[in-house]
């Protein structure tokens, strides 16, 4: 195996592990996304007032 193949294999393995973790913790990720979206919206609203 060349170095490029090893790096590609490690990256693919990391992607698979992250997908599995994402599926298992889907509810927590959705809550986190909702919090981020609400913070960004409130920041944009306060920024427009100034």
N, C-alpha and C. Protein backbone atom coordinates (compact mmCIF):
# COMPACT_ATOMS: atom_id res chain seq x y z
N UNK A 1 0.83 -1.19 0.00
CA UNK A 1 0.00 0.00 0.00
C UNK A 1 0.87 1.24 0.00
N UNK A 2 0.44 2.19 -0.78
CA UNK A 2 1.16 3.45 -0.79
C UNK A 2 0.64 4.35 0.34
N UNK A 3 1.35 5.42 0.55
CA UNK A 3 0.95 6.36 1.61
C UNK A 3 -0.42 6.96 1.30
N UNK A 4 -0.68 7.27 0.05
CA UNK A 4 -1.97 7.86 -0.33
C UNK A 4 -3.12 6.90 -0.05
N UNK A 5 -2.91 5.62 -0.31
CA UNK A 5 -3.95 4.62 -0.04
C UNK A 5 -4.19 4.49 1.46
N UNK A 6 -3.16 4.55 2.24
CA UNK A 6 -3.31 4.44 3.70
C UNK A 6 -4.08 5.65 4.23
N UNK A 7 -3.74 6.85 3.76
CA UNK A 7 -4.45 8.05 4.20
C UNK A 7 -5.90 7.99 3.78
N UNK A 8 -6.17 7.52 2.56
CA UNK A 8 -7.55 7.40 2.08
C UNK A 8 -8.33 6.40 2.92
N UNK A 9 -7.73 5.28 3.24
CA UNK A 9 -8.40 4.26 4.04
C UNK A 9 -8.72 4.78 5.44
N UNK A 10 -7.80 5.49 6.04
CA UNK A 10 -8.02 6.06 7.37
C UNK A 10 -9.14 7.10 7.32
N UNK A 11 -9.16 7.93 6.27
CA UNK A 11 -10.21 8.94 6.13
C UNK A 11 -11.58 8.28 5.93
N UNK A 12 -11.63 7.23 5.14
CA UNK A 12 -12.90 6.51 4.93
C UNK A 12 -13.38 5.87 6.22
N UNK A 13 -12.48 5.29 6.98
CA UNK A 13 -12.84 4.67 8.25
C UNK A 13 -13.37 5.73 9.22
N UNK A 14 -12.72 6.88 9.27
CA UNK A 14 -13.17 7.96 10.14
C UNK A 14 -14.56 8.44 9.72
N UNK A 15 -14.82 8.52 8.42
CA UNK A 15 -16.13 8.96 7.93
C UNK A 15 -17.21 7.97 8.34
N UNK A 16 -16.93 6.69 8.23
CA UNK A 16 -17.91 5.66 8.61
C UNK A 16 -18.20 5.74 10.10
N UNK A 17 -17.18 5.91 10.90
CA UNK A 17 -17.37 6.00 12.36
C UNK A 17 -18.19 7.23 12.71
N UNK A 18 -17.91 8.37 12.05
CA UNK A 18 -18.68 9.59 12.32
C UNK A 18 -20.14 9.44 11.90
N UNK A 19 -20.40 8.75 10.81
CA UNK A 19 -21.79 8.52 10.39
C UNK A 19 -22.52 7.65 11.40
N UNK A 20 -21.87 6.61 11.87
CA UNK A 20 -22.49 5.73 12.87
C UNK A 20 -22.77 6.50 14.15
N UNK A 21 -21.82 7.30 14.60
CA UNK A 21 -22.04 8.12 15.81
C UNK A 21 -23.17 9.11 15.60
N UNK A 22 -23.25 9.68 14.41
CA UNK A 22 -24.32 10.62 14.09
C UNK A 22 -25.69 9.98 14.13
N UNK A 23 -25.79 8.76 13.63
CA UNK A 23 -27.06 8.05 13.65
C UNK A 23 -27.46 7.69 15.08
N UNK A 24 -26.51 7.28 15.87
CA UNK A 24 -26.81 6.88 17.24
C UNK A 24 -27.18 8.06 18.13
N UNK A 25 -26.64 9.25 17.83
CA UNK A 25 -26.88 10.44 18.65
C UNK A 25 -27.69 11.49 17.90
N UNK A 26 -28.59 11.05 17.06
CA UNK A 26 -29.32 11.96 16.17
C UNK A 26 -30.11 13.02 16.94
N UNK A 27 -30.77 12.63 18.01
CA UNK A 27 -31.58 13.58 18.78
C UNK A 27 -30.72 14.69 19.38
N UNK A 28 -29.59 14.34 19.92
CA UNK A 28 -28.70 15.33 20.52
C UNK A 28 -28.15 16.27 19.46
N UNK A 29 -27.84 15.75 18.28
CA UNK A 29 -27.32 16.57 17.20
C UNK A 29 -28.38 17.55 16.72
N UNK A 30 -29.63 17.10 16.61
CA UNK A 30 -30.72 17.97 16.18
C UNK A 30 -30.93 19.09 17.19
N UNK A 31 -30.89 18.78 18.49
CA UNK A 31 -31.03 19.82 19.51
C UNK A 31 -29.90 20.84 19.40
N UNK A 32 -28.69 20.36 19.19
CA UNK A 32 -27.54 21.24 19.05
C UNK A 32 -27.69 22.16 17.84
N UNK A 33 -28.13 21.59 16.71
CA UNK A 33 -28.34 22.40 15.51
C UNK A 33 -29.40 23.47 15.74
N UNK A 34 -30.49 23.11 16.42
CA UNK A 34 -31.55 24.07 16.70
C UNK A 34 -31.04 25.21 17.58
N UNK A 35 -30.20 24.90 18.57
CA UNK A 35 -29.62 25.93 19.43
C UNK A 35 -28.74 26.87 18.63
N UNK A 36 -27.92 26.32 17.75
CA UNK A 36 -27.04 27.15 16.93
C UNK A 36 -27.86 28.06 16.02
N UNK A 37 -28.89 27.52 15.39
CA UNK A 37 -29.73 28.32 14.49
C UNK A 37 -30.41 29.44 15.24
N UNK A 38 -30.94 29.16 16.43
CA UNK A 38 -31.62 30.21 17.19
C UNK A 38 -30.63 31.30 17.64
N UNK A 39 -29.41 30.91 18.00
CA UNK A 39 -28.41 31.90 18.39
C UNK A 39 -28.01 32.78 17.21
N UNK A 40 -27.87 32.19 16.04
CA UNK A 40 -27.51 32.96 14.85
C UNK A 40 -28.64 33.92 14.49
N UNK A 41 -29.89 33.44 14.57
CA UNK A 41 -31.02 34.31 14.26
C UNK A 41 -31.09 35.49 15.24
N UNK A 42 -30.91 35.22 16.52
CA UNK A 42 -30.97 36.31 17.49
C UNK A 42 -29.81 37.28 17.30
N UNK A 43 -28.65 36.79 16.92
CA UNK A 43 -27.51 37.66 16.65
C UNK A 43 -27.79 38.54 15.44
N UNK A 44 -28.36 37.95 14.39
CA UNK A 44 -28.65 38.72 13.19
C UNK A 44 -29.73 39.78 13.46
N UNK A 45 -30.72 39.44 14.30
CA UNK A 45 -31.75 40.41 14.64
C UNK A 45 -31.16 41.58 15.42
N UNK A 46 -30.31 41.29 16.39
CA UNK A 46 -29.72 42.36 17.20
C UNK A 46 -28.74 43.19 16.36
N UNK A 47 -28.11 42.56 15.38
CA UNK A 47 -27.16 43.26 14.52
C UNK A 47 -27.90 44.24 13.60
N UNK A 48 -29.09 43.89 13.15
CA UNK A 48 -29.85 44.77 12.27
C UNK A 48 -30.36 46.00 13.01
N UNK A 49 -30.62 45.89 14.33
CA UNK A 49 -31.12 47.02 15.12
C UNK A 49 -30.07 48.09 15.29
N UNK A 50 -28.80 47.71 15.32
CA UNK A 50 -27.72 48.67 15.56
C UNK A 50 -27.36 49.41 14.32
